[in-house]
Protein backbone atom coordinates (compact mmCIF):
# COMPACT_ATOMS: atom_id res chain seq x y z
CA MET A 1 0.00 0.00 0.00
CA LEU A 2 1.35 3.41 -0.97
CA ASP A 3 2.11 5.92 1.78
CA LYS A 4 -0.18 8.92 1.19
CA ALA A 5 2.44 11.43 2.38
CA VAL A 6 5.08 9.97 0.04
CA LEU A 7 2.57 9.98 -2.81
CA VAL A 8 1.72 13.67 -2.29
CA GLU A 9 5.42 14.51 -1.95
CA SER A 10 6.03 12.75 -5.27
CA LEU A 11 3.18 14.65 -6.96
CA LEU A 12 4.66 17.94 -5.75
CA VAL A 13 8.07 16.99 -7.16
CA PHE A 14 6.42 16.08 -10.47
CA GLY A 15 4.74 19.49 -10.33
CA VAL A 16 8.14 21.18 -10.05
CA VAL A 17 9.58 19.06 -12.89
CA LEU A 18 6.67 19.82 -15.21
CA SER A 19 6.71 23.52 -14.29
CA VAL A 20 10.41 23.81 -15.11
CA HIS A 21 10.10 21.96 -18.40
CA ALA A 22 7.05 23.97 -19.40
CA VAL A 23 9.53 26.85 -19.61
CA VAL A 24 12.70 24.96 -20.58
CA TRP A 25 11.99 22.17 -23.07
CA ASP A 26 14.82 20.36 -24.83
CA ARG A 27 16.31 16.87 -25.10
CA PHE A 28 17.16 16.87 -21.37
CA SER A 29 13.47 17.35 -20.56
CA TRP A 30 12.72 13.83 -21.79
CA CYS A 31 15.59 12.54 -19.66
CA ALA A 32 14.35 14.37 -16.56
CA LEU A 33 10.81 13.04 -16.99
CA ALA A 34 12.07 9.49 -17.54
CA LEU A 35 14.32 9.79 -14.47
CA ALA A 36 11.44 11.14 -12.36
CA LEU A 37 9.15 8.24 -13.29
CA GLN A 38 11.91 5.72 -12.69
CA ALA A 39 12.87 7.29 -9.32
CA PHE A 40 9.20 7.30 -8.27
CA TYR A 41 9.03 3.54 -8.64
CA ALA A 42 12.52 2.86 -7.27
CA GLN A 43 11.98 4.89 -4.10
CA PHE A 44 9.29 2.46 -2.95
CA LYS A 45 11.83 -0.36 -3.32
CA TRP A 46 14.20 1.65 -1.15
CA ASP A 47 11.43 2.26 1.39
CA ARG A 48 10.72 -1.46 1.58
CA LEU A 49 14.42 -2.19 2.08
CA LEU A 50 14.60 0.35 4.90
CA ARG A 51 11.51 -1.07 6.65
CA GLN A 52 12.80 -4.65 6.38
CA GLY A 53 16.38 -3.77 7.34
CA GLY A 54 17.63 -5.10 4.02
CA ALA A 55 19.73 -2.08 3.05
CA VAL A 56 23.50 -2.58 2.92
CA PHE A 57 24.16 0.48 5.10
CA GLN A 58 22.29 1.92 8.09
CA PHE A 59 20.23 4.94 7.06
CA ARG A 60 18.39 7.53 9.11
CA GLY A 61 15.17 6.18 10.60
CA ALA A 62 11.76 7.89 10.87
CA ALA A 63 12.01 9.01 7.23
CA ASN A 64 11.38 7.55 3.81
CA SER A 65 14.15 7.06 1.27
CA GLY A 66 13.56 10.45 -0.37
CA LEU A 67 14.92 9.13 -3.65
CA LEU A 68 12.59 11.06 -5.99
CA PRO A 69 12.98 14.57 -4.50
CA ALA A 70 16.75 14.13 -4.16
CA SER A 71 17.17 12.62 -7.64
CA MET A 72 15.70 15.65 -9.39
CA VAL A 73 17.68 18.42 -7.65
CA ILE A 74 21.05 18.19 -9.43
CA PRO A 75 19.62 17.47 -12.92
CA LEU A 76 17.15 20.36 -12.67
CA LEU A 77 19.85 22.71 -11.38
CA GLY A 78 21.97 21.78 -14.37
CA VAL A 79 19.10 22.27 -16.82
CA VAL A 80 18.12 25.74 -15.55
CA THR A 81 21.77 26.82 -15.32
CA LYS A 82 22.36 25.65 -18.90
CA GLU A 83 19.35 27.59 -20.13
CA ARG A 84 20.29 30.79 -18.29
CA CYS A 85 23.87 30.71 -19.55
CA ARG A 86 22.76 29.85 -23.10
CA ALA A 87 20.49 32.90 -23.07
CA ALA A 88 23.42 35.01 -21.82
CA GLY A 89 25.72 33.61 -24.51
CA ILE A 90 28.27 32.18 -22.04
CA VAL A 91 29.23 28.93 -23.76
CA TYR A 92 31.66 27.70 -21.08
CA PHE A 93 29.02 27.78 -18.33
CA GLU A 94 26.33 26.49 -20.68
CA ARG A 95 28.47 23.37 -21.13
CA PHE A 96 29.02 23.31 -17.37
CA GLY A 97 25.23 23.15 -16.91
CA VAL A 98 25.06 20.23 -19.34
CA VAL A 99 27.72 18.37 -17.33
CA VAL A 100 25.89 19.08 -14.05
CA ALA A 101 22.58 17.80 -15.45
CA SER A 102 24.20 14.66 -16.91
CA THR A 103 26.11 13.96 -13.71
CA GLY A 104 23.00 14.33 -11.55
CA MET A 105 21.04 11.96 -13.75
CA LEU A 106 23.76 9.32 -13.72
CA LEU A 107 24.19 9.50 -9.92
CA ALA A 108 20.44 9.18 -9.35
CA LEU A 109 20.23 6.30 -11.82
CA PHE A 110 23.08 4.50 -10.05
CA LEU A 111 21.33 4.76 -6.67
CA SER A 112 18.09 3.48 -8.20
CA VAL A 113 19.85 0.53 -9.86
CA LEU A 114 21.47 -0.28 -6.52
CA ALA A 115 18.05 -0.42 -4.81
CA VAL A 116 16.55 -2.57 -7.55
CA GLY A 117 19.55 -4.90 -7.56
CA ILE A 118 19.39 -5.78 -3.86
CA THR A 119 15.57 -6.04 -3.65
CA LYS A 120 14.35 -9.63 -3.34
CA PRO A 121 12.49 -10.76 -5.31
CA VAL A 122 13.77 -8.60 -8.16
CA PRO A 123 10.97 -6.15 -9.16
CA THR A 124 10.38 -6.84 -12.87
CA ASN A 125 8.39 -3.71 -13.74
CA THR A 126 10.85 -1.43 -11.96
CA CYS A 127 13.77 -3.12 -13.73
CA ILE A 128 12.13 -2.53 -17.11
CA LEU A 129 11.42 1.12 -16.28
CA THR A 130 14.97 1.58 -14.98
CA GLY A 131 16.37 0.09 -18.18
CA VAL A 132 14.24 2.38 -20.36
CA ALA A 133 15.15 5.49 -18.34
CA GLY A 134 18.82 4.52 -18.37
CA SER A 135 18.75 4.00 -22.13
CA VAL A 136 17.15 7.41 -22.72
CA ILE A 137 19.69 9.14 -20.45
CA ILE A 138 22.74 7.40 -21.93
CA TYR A 139 21.51 8.00 -25.49
CA THR A 140 21.05 11.71 -24.75
CA MET A 141 24.46 11.95 -23.08
CA LYS A 142 26.05 10.27 -26.10
CA HIS A 143 24.67 12.97 -28.40
CA SER A 144 25.16 15.90 -26.00
CA LEU A 145 28.57 15.45 -24.33
CA THR A 146 32.07 15.59 -25.71
CA VAL A 147 34.54 12.82 -24.86
CA SER A 148 36.19 14.95 -22.15
CA GLU A 149 32.79 15.71 -20.61
CA VAL A 150 31.86 12.03 -20.58
CA ILE A 151 35.11 11.29 -18.75
CA GLU A 152 34.33 14.05 -16.26
CA VAL A 153 30.88 12.63 -15.55
CA LEU A 154 32.31 9.12 -15.04
CA GLU A 155 34.99 10.53 -12.72
CA VAL A 156 32.31 12.08 -10.51
CA LEU A 157 30.41 8.77 -10.46
CA LEU A 158 33.58 6.91 -9.43
CA ILE A 159 34.31 9.40 -6.63
CA PHE A 160 30.68 9.13 -5.49
CA VAL A 161 30.85 5.34 -5.30
CA TYR A 162 34.00 5.37 -3.18
CA LEU A 163 32.80 8.19 -0.91
CA SER A 164 29.48 6.42 -0.38
CA MET A 165 31.17 3.16 0.56
CA ILE A 166 33.44 4.92 3.04
CA LEU A 167 31.20 7.55 4.62
CA LEU A 168 27.98 5.55 4.84
CA TYR A 169 29.93 2.82 6.64
CA LEU A 170 31.65 5.26 8.99
CA LEU A 171 28.54 7.39 9.65
CA PRO A 172 25.53 5.08 10.13
CA ARG A 173 22.04 6.60 10.50
CA CYS A 174 23.22 10.08 9.47
CA PHE A 175 21.52 10.15 6.05
CA THR A 176 18.58 8.81 4.15
CA PRO A 177 19.43 7.47 0.66
CA GLY A 178 18.17 10.73 -0.84
CA GLU A 179 20.19 12.89 1.53
CA ALA A 180 23.28 10.78 0.83
CA LEU A 181 22.72 11.35 -2.89
CA LEU A 182 22.57 15.12 -2.41
CA VAL A 183 25.41 15.52 0.10
CA LEU A 184 27.87 12.95 -1.23
CA GLY A 185 27.01 13.76 -4.84
CA GLY A 186 27.73 17.42 -4.16
CA VAL A 187 31.03 16.65 -2.43
CA SER A 188 32.03 14.31 -5.29
CA PHE A 189 31.32 17.01 -7.86
CA VAL A 190 33.26 19.62 -5.86
CA LEU A 191 36.25 17.29 -5.51
CA ASN A 192 36.26 16.55 -9.23
CA GLN A 193 36.00 20.26 -10.08
CA LEU A 194 38.92 21.07 -7.77
CA ILE A 195 41.11 18.39 -9.38
CA LYS A 196 40.13 19.56 -12.87
CA ARG A 197 40.81 23.23 -12.13
CA SER A 198 44.07 22.43 -10.36
CA LEU A 199 45.33 20.65 -13.47
CA ASN A 200 44.15 23.49 -15.74
CA VAL A 201 45.07 26.43 -13.53
CA VAL A 202 47.04 28.09 -16.35
CA GLU A 203 43.77 28.78 -18.13
CA GLY A 204 42.93 31.34 -15.45
CA ARG A 205 39.24 30.52 -15.39
CA GLY A 206 37.25 31.14 -12.23
CA ASP A 207 37.02 33.65 -9.44
CA PRO A 208 39.30 33.36 -6.34
CA ILE A 209 36.24 33.09 -4.10
CA ASP A 210 35.06 30.07 -6.13
CA PHE A 211 38.44 28.40 -5.58
CA PHE A 212 38.18 29.27 -1.89
CA LEU A 213 34.88 27.36 -1.66
CA LEU A 214 36.21 24.31 -3.51
CA VAL A 215 39.38 24.05 -1.40
CA ALA A 216 37.50 24.62 1.88
CA VAL A 217 34.93 21.89 1.18
CA VAL A 218 37.48 19.34 0.00
CA GLY A 219 39.86 20.28 2.82
CA VAL A 220 37.38 19.67 5.65
CA VAL A 221 36.21 16.38 4.07
CA LEU A 222 39.78 15.07 3.70
CA LEU A 223 40.53 16.23 7.25
CA GLY A 224 37.58 14.24 8.57
CA LEU A 225 38.51 11.11 6.62
CA PHE A 226 42.09 11.30 7.85
CA PHE A 227 41.15 11.56 11.52
CA THR A 228 38.40 8.95 11.22
CA VAL A 229 40.93 6.42 9.97
CA LEU A 230 43.52 7.53 12.54
CA PHE A 231 41.20 7.34 15.55
CA THR A 232 40.04 3.90 14.55
CA PHE A 233 43.38 2.68 15.94
CA MET A 234 43.72 5.01 18.95
CA ASP A 235 41.60 6.64 21.65
CA SER A 236 40.72 10.18 20.57
CA ALA A 237 39.69 11.39 24.05
CA THR A 238 43.18 11.50 25.58
CA TRP A 239 45.31 14.64 25.84
CA ILE A 240 48.02 13.11 23.63
CA SER A 241 45.48 12.35 20.88
CA SER A 242 43.99 15.83 21.23
CA MET A 243 47.39 17.48 20.89
CA PHE A 244 48.10 15.32 17.86
CA PHE A 245 44.70 16.31 16.37
CA HIS A 246 45.45 20.04 16.66
CA MET A 247 49.00 19.61 15.42
CA MET A 248 48.00 17.56 12.38
CA THR A 249 45.17 20.01 11.59
CA ALA A 250 47.75 22.80 11.46
CA VAL A 251 50.11 20.68 9.37
CA LEU A 252 47.41 19.68 6.86
CA GLY A 253 46.04 23.22 6.74
CA LEU A 254 49.35 25.02 6.30
CA GLY A 255 51.17 22.27 4.43
CA VAL A 256 48.50 21.01 2.01
CA ILE A 257 45.40 23.22 1.86
CA MET A 258 47.17 26.60 1.83
CA PRO A 259 49.69 25.65 -0.90
CA TRP A 260 46.85 24.15 -2.95
CA LEU A 261 44.88 27.39 -2.70
CA TYR A 262 48.04 29.40 -3.44
CA ARG A 263 48.49 27.47 -6.68
CA LEU A 264 44.93 28.23 -7.72
CA ILE A 265 44.73 31.95 -6.92
CA GLN A 266 48.45 32.72 -7.47
CA ARG A 267 48.80 34.73 -4.25
CA ASN A 268 49.18 34.17 -0.51
CA PRO A 269 45.75 32.91 0.67
CA LEU A 270 45.98 34.51 4.13
CA PHE A 271 46.98 37.91 2.76
CA TRP A 272 44.30 37.67 0.09
CA LEU A 273 41.65 36.79 2.70
CA LEU A 274 42.62 39.63 5.04
CA GLN A 275 42.69 42.11 2.18
CA PHE A 276 39.31 40.85 0.95
CA LEU A 277 37.60 41.00 4.36
CA PHE A 278 38.76 44.51 5.23
CA GLN A 279 38.63 46.00 1.75
CA THR A 280 35.82 48.50 2.38
CA GLN A 281 34.21 50.22 5.33
CA THR A 282 30.91 48.47 4.59
CA ARG A 283 32.62 45.12 5.07
CA LEU A 284 33.97 46.23 8.44
CA TYR A 285 30.47 47.20 9.58
CA LEU A 286 29.04 43.89 8.36
CA LEU A 287 31.75 41.88 10.11
CA VAL A 288 31.15 43.68 13.40
CA TYR A 289 27.39 43.19 13.03
CA TRP A 290 27.79 39.48 12.27
CA THR A 291 30.12 39.07 15.26
CA CYS A 292 27.41 40.50 17.52
CA LEU A 293 24.83 38.11 16.07
CA ALA A 294 27.20 35.15 16.57
CA ALA A 295 27.72 36.21 20.18
CA SER A 296 23.94 36.40 20.71
CA ALA A 297 23.53 32.88 19.26
CA CYS A 298 26.18 31.58 21.67
CA GLY A 299 24.36 33.40 24.46
CA VAL A 300 21.14 31.54 23.63
CA VAL A 301 22.99 28.20 23.76
CA PHE A 302 24.53 28.95 27.16
CA TYR A 303 21.25 30.35 28.54
CA GLN A 304 19.24 27.30 27.48
CA ASN A 305 21.84 24.96 28.99
CA ALA A 306 21.80 26.93 32.25
CA LYS A 307 18.01 26.64 32.21
CA ARG A 308 18.32 22.89 31.74
CA SER A 309 20.68 22.61 34.71
CA SER A 310 18.37 24.57 36.98
CA GLU A 311 15.10 22.89 35.92
CA SER A 312 15.68 19.34 34.79
CA LYS A 313 18.34 17.30 33.07
CA LYS A 314 15.68 16.06 30.66
CA HIS A 315 14.82 19.58 29.51
CA GLN A 316 14.97 19.94 25.71
CA ALA A 317 14.83 23.12 23.67
CA SER A 318 11.39 23.80 22.21
CA THR A 319 10.64 24.23 18.52
CA ILE A 320 10.33 27.99 18.99
CA THR A 321 13.71 28.12 20.72
CA ARG A 322 15.38 26.19 17.89
CA LYS A 323 13.77 28.45 15.31
CA TYR A 324 15.36 31.42 17.05
CA PHE A 325 18.55 30.46 15.22
CA HIS A 326 16.63 30.72 11.94
CA PHE A 327 15.79 34.32 12.80
CA ILE A 328 19.47 34.96 13.53
CA VAL A 329 20.61 33.60 10.17
CA VAL A 330 17.95 35.68 8.38
CA ALA A 331 19.29 38.76 10.18
CA THR A 332 22.77 37.66 9.10
CA TYR A 333 22.13 36.92 5.44
CA VAL A 334 19.76 39.71 4.41
CA PRO A 335 22.20 42.61 4.97
CA GLY A 336 24.94 40.61 3.26
CA LEU A 337 22.71 39.94 0.23
CA ILE A 338 21.77 43.60 -0.02
CA TYR A 339 25.13 45.28 0.60
CA ASP A 340 27.94 42.81 -0.23
CA ARG A 341 27.21 39.36 -1.66
CA GLN A 342 30.86 38.54 -2.26
CA LEU A 343 31.64 39.06 1.41
CA LEU A 344 28.64 36.93 2.37
CA TYR A 345 29.90 34.22 0.00
CA VAL A 346 33.35 34.08 1.64
CA ALA A 347 32.00 34.46 5.20
CA ALA A 348 29.62 31.53 4.64
CA VAL A 349 32.54 29.38 3.45
CA LEU A 350 34.52 30.28 6.58
CA CYS A 351 31.52 29.49 8.79
CA LEU A 352 31.06 26.12 7.11
CA ALA A 353 34.72 25.25 7.73
CA VAL A 354 34.41 26.32 11.39
CA PHE A 355 31.15 24.40 11.92
CA VAL A 356 32.57 21.19 10.43
CA PHE A 357 35.81 21.54 12.42
CA LEU A 358 33.85 22.03 15.68
CA GLU A 359 31.77 18.97 14.82
CA TYR A 360 35.00 16.99 14.48
CA VAL A 361 36.08 18.26 17.89
CA ARG A 362 32.73 17.21 19.39
CA TYR A 363 32.53 13.85 17.59
CA PHE A 364 36.09 12.77 18.43
CA ARG A 365 35.82 14.29 21.97
CA ILE A 366 38.94 16.34 21.41
CA LYS A 367 40.13 18.09 24.56
CA PRO A 368 39.60 20.66 25.96
CA PHE A 369 36.25 21.50 24.28
CA GLY A 370 34.97 18.20 22.88
CA GLN A 371 32.97 17.04 25.89
CA THR A 372 31.68 20.57 26.52
CA LEU A 373 30.34 20.81 22.98
CA ARG A 374 28.66 17.42 23.36
CA HIS A 375 26.87 18.68 26.47
CA LEU A 376 25.89 22.06 25.03
CA LEU A 377 24.56 20.80 21.70
CA SER A 378 22.68 17.77 23.07
CA LEU A 379 19.96 20.18 24.21
CA PHE A 380 19.07 21.05 20.61
CA LEU A 381 18.91 17.53 19.16
CA ASP A 382 15.81 16.25 17.38
CA GLU A 383 14.81 13.04 15.60
CA ARG A 384 16.91 13.97 12.55
CA ASP A 385 20.13 13.72 14.59
CA SER A 386 19.88 9.96 15.09
CA GLY A 387 23.43 9.22 13.91
CA PRO A 388 26.81 9.94 15.50
CA LEU A 389 27.02 13.39 13.87
CA ILE A 390 24.96 16.49 14.66
CA LEU A 391 24.22 17.96 11.25
CA THR A 392 21.11 20.14 11.61
CA HIS A 393 23.06 23.38 12.20
CA ILE A 394 25.35 22.57 9.25
CA TYR A 395 22.30 21.87 7.07
CA LEU A 396 20.85 25.22 8.12
CA LEU A 397 24.04 26.98 7.05
CA LEU A 398 24.09 25.03 3.76
CA GLY A 399 20.45 25.79 3.04
CA MET A 400 21.04 29.51 3.43
CA SER A 401 24.37 29.49 1.57
CA LEU A 402 23.83 27.15 -1.40
CA PRO A 403 21.69 29.64 -3.36
CA VAL A 404 24.47 32.22 -2.87
CA TRP A 405 27.22 29.79 -3.86
CA LEU A 406 25.32 28.28 -6.82
CA PHE A 407 24.05 31.58 -8.20
CA PRO A 408 25.35 31.81 -11.82
CA ARG A 409 27.03 35.21 -11.46
CA SER A 410 28.82 34.98 -14.82
CA CYS A 411 25.51 34.44 -16.64
CA ALA A 412 23.64 37.23 -14.84
CA PRO A 413 23.55 40.69 -16.45
CA LYS A 414 24.83 43.30 -13.97
CA GLY A 415 25.03 40.65 -11.23
CA SER A 416 21.33 39.80 -11.16
CA LEU A 417 19.10 37.52 -13.22
CA PRO A 418 15.99 39.15 -14.72
CA GLY A 419 12.50 38.56 -13.35
CA ALA A 420 12.01 35.96 -10.63
CA GLY A 421 15.66 34.96 -11.07
CA ALA A 422 16.64 38.10 -9.17
CA LEU A 423 15.37 36.37 -6.01
CA VAL A 424 17.59 33.29 -6.48
CA PRO A 425 20.21 34.35 -3.87
CA TYR A 426 17.31 34.89 -1.44
CA SER A 427 16.02 31.32 -1.88
CA GLY A 428 17.49 30.15 1.42
CA VAL A 429 16.18 33.18 3.28
CA LEU A 430 12.67 32.71 1.86
CA ALA A 431 12.37 28.90 2.05
CA VAL A 432 14.20 28.21 5.32
CA GLY A 433 14.64 31.50 7.17
CA VAL A 434 11.07 32.71 6.64
CA GLY A 435 8.87 29.89 5.33
CA ASP A 436 10.07 26.94 7.41
CA THR A 437 10.41 29.06 10.54
CA ILE A 438 6.95 30.60 10.34
CA ALA A 439 5.37 27.25 9.43
CA SER A 440 6.93 25.57 12.48
CA VAL A 441 6.16 28.37 14.94
CA PHE A 442 2.56 29.01 13.88
CA GLY A 443 1.86 25.36 13.14
CA SER A 444 3.02 24.22 16.59
CA THR A 445 1.23 27.00 18.48
CA MET A 446 -2.00 27.65 16.55
CA GLY A 447 -2.32 24.86 13.99
CA GLU A 448 -5.32 22.53 14.27
CA ILE A 449 -6.03 21.17 10.77
CA LYS A 450 -3.35 18.64 9.84
CA TRP A 451 -2.40 17.75 6.29
CA PRO A 452 -3.41 14.10 5.64
CA GLY A 453 -0.66 11.69 6.60
CA THR A 454 1.61 14.29 8.25
CA LYS A 455 2.09 16.19 11.50
CA LYS A 456 2.23 19.51 9.64
CA THR A 457 -0.77 21.83 9.72
CA PHE A 458 -2.73 23.73 7.10
CA GLU A 459 -2.44 26.93 9.15
CA GLY A 460 1.34 26.66 9.32
CA THR A 461 1.69 26.19 5.55
CA MET A 462 -0.68 29.04 4.65
CA THR A 463 1.05 31.37 7.11
CA ALA A 464 4.42 30.40 5.64
CA ILE A 465 3.26 31.25 2.11
CA PHE A 466 1.88 34.60 3.25
CA ALA A 467 5.08 35.39 5.19
CA GLN A 468 7.26 34.67 2.16
CA ILE A 469 5.15 36.96 -0.03
CA ILE A 470 5.58 39.72 2.56
CA ALA A 471 9.33 38.99 2.59
CA VAL A 472 9.47 39.33 -1.22
CA ALA A 473 7.74 42.71 -0.94
CA LEU A 474 10.30 43.85 1.66
CA ILE A 475 13.17 42.66 -0.56
CA LEU A 476 11.75 44.76 -3.40
CA ILE A 477 11.72 47.80 -1.11
CA PHE A 478 15.20 47.46 0.37
CA ASP A 479 17.20 45.84 -2.48
CA SER A 480 17.24 48.10 -5.52
CA SER A 481 18.98 45.44 -7.66
CA VAL A 482 15.88 43.22 -7.61
CA ASN A 483 13.52 43.73 -10.55
CA LEU A 484 10.81 41.09 -10.84
CA ASN A 485 9.44 42.22 -14.23
CA SER A 486 5.84 41.35 -13.30
CA SER A 487 6.70 37.68 -12.62
CA TYR A 488 4.56 37.69 -9.48
CA ALA A 489 2.35 34.75 -10.46
CA TRP A 490 5.41 32.52 -11.00
CA ILE A 491 6.86 33.59 -7.64
CA LEU A 492 3.57 32.82 -5.87
CA ALA A 493 3.38 29.40 -7.55
CA SER A 494 7.01 28.64 -6.68
CA VAL A 495 6.60 29.63 -3.03
CA SER A 496 3.36 27.65 -2.73
CA LEU A 497 4.82 24.47 -4.26
CA VAL A 498 7.89 24.58 -2.03
CA SER A 499 5.81 25.32 1.09
CA LEU A 500 3.58 22.32 0.36
CA LEU A 501 6.71 20.22 -0.16
CA GLU A 502 7.88 21.34 3.29
CA ALA A 503 4.64 20.02 4.76
CA TYR A 504 5.02 16.56 3.22
CA THR A 505 8.70 15.78 2.98
CA THR A 506 10.51 13.81 5.67
CA GLN A 507 13.92 14.74 4.28
CA ILE A 508 16.10 17.50 5.71
CA ASP A 509 14.01 20.51 4.70
CA ASN A 510 16.84 22.96 5.45
CA LEU A 511 18.76 21.38 2.57
CA LEU A 512 16.01 20.43 0.12
CA LEU A 513 13.64 23.41 0.13
CA PRO A 514 16.09 26.20 -0.85
CA LEU A 515 17.34 24.15 -3.79
CA TYR A 516 13.84 23.53 -5.11
CA LEU A 517 12.91 27.20 -4.70
CA GLN A 518 16.13 28.18 -6.50
CA ILE A 519 15.27 25.83 -9.37
CA MET A 520 11.79 27.30 -9.70
CA LEU A 521 13.01 30.89 -9.59
CA MET A 522 15.74 30.25 -12.17
CA ALA A 523 13.38 28.51 -14.63
């Protein structure tokens, strides 16, 4: 019997796919539709595997596989990026969009084939549909990609396979299959791009801040893999291990990551970063303002833990308390988007590196702060943090930052896409900072009518849609670079679809919703 919530979630994803391809229709549209149909059937095989405990790895419980919504993100991002850059006449990034779309389709197809292959008995109809979808995708890739692009796509697939085998074994119950596809697929693509650009650095393509993102992401992932292997053979909670952790972090950072970045940007990374951060007076004001917000967020953490100590050890932070951090990130990102997006881009990369490093300190219980971080952050855990890692705060940062990082600046006239595309950098603010926050707060306090098959309420969703429309109006008032060109109906439809998806999805909404809103706004 089909789960009603999963069925509605699938219909909403199909709605996004059809909406995008109503605007952008080419040979990849057939591939995307074939992939969506195939993923719809395959995700129920994954769900059955998860319920029966037949999956090879341990995935996050209390959630479905999420294969369909995750499978469509990367292909659709590639398709809309290709179309935007084709319209702008930027051939290099148009081809980049083609590679992204092809890579996303192949990764999703691989995960589907894996589910079908280990399902017993083998589902005949799903196998046939998978074979047809795979044939359509491979045929299209054969007639769309050059030999070098085919090699690049296969390289990403190879990296994805190895990363999945390693990280899903080392980090049980941290991801659903769909979340693993998004996170590990993204990391695989970033790693491949960094290797490619490192080998072709003489071409001089790319902005230094793009290289900074690539090196930071790959650096923290390699750092984690190194210490995971190391602490398999030794106790990480001793002072000797902690000293070794800090020493090796400095060695890897200064001896590997910094020289790698120096090769890419052809200047001292530390000097470049300092010069970039303090280049203008506006940046100084923003940095001071963000420091105050970070201090207030730390104050909330300490206050809530003090409240737990005085009341009860079983005290957990409420939904409203957790959403306070959403308000803080909105207050952080909006001024950056209005006044200096490049600074926001780099600051978000630095924050991601710091967050991941602190999670390593907490996970490995590195002295002197590892145990303290475990105690402080345990107050804010929910059912999504069922694995050894605490990822919700990192997902929140990613959800707000990905639209800024993935915004096709080179294909945007005067730094902003026309029409609804002008709101693309605000996708995280709208979907997570405003929509998800308002839906949770109003739904938990005043909601009474529940959506069928979910715990989410009709009142929460409607309030979220209304709040996002108000937020769009405020963006129009305060950001003079935004010109919607009368695309209000499309914006309303995009916000409504994504808000309904928030009500029905069991995946990490902080990660999924901004990407779907970005896709809709770029179409």
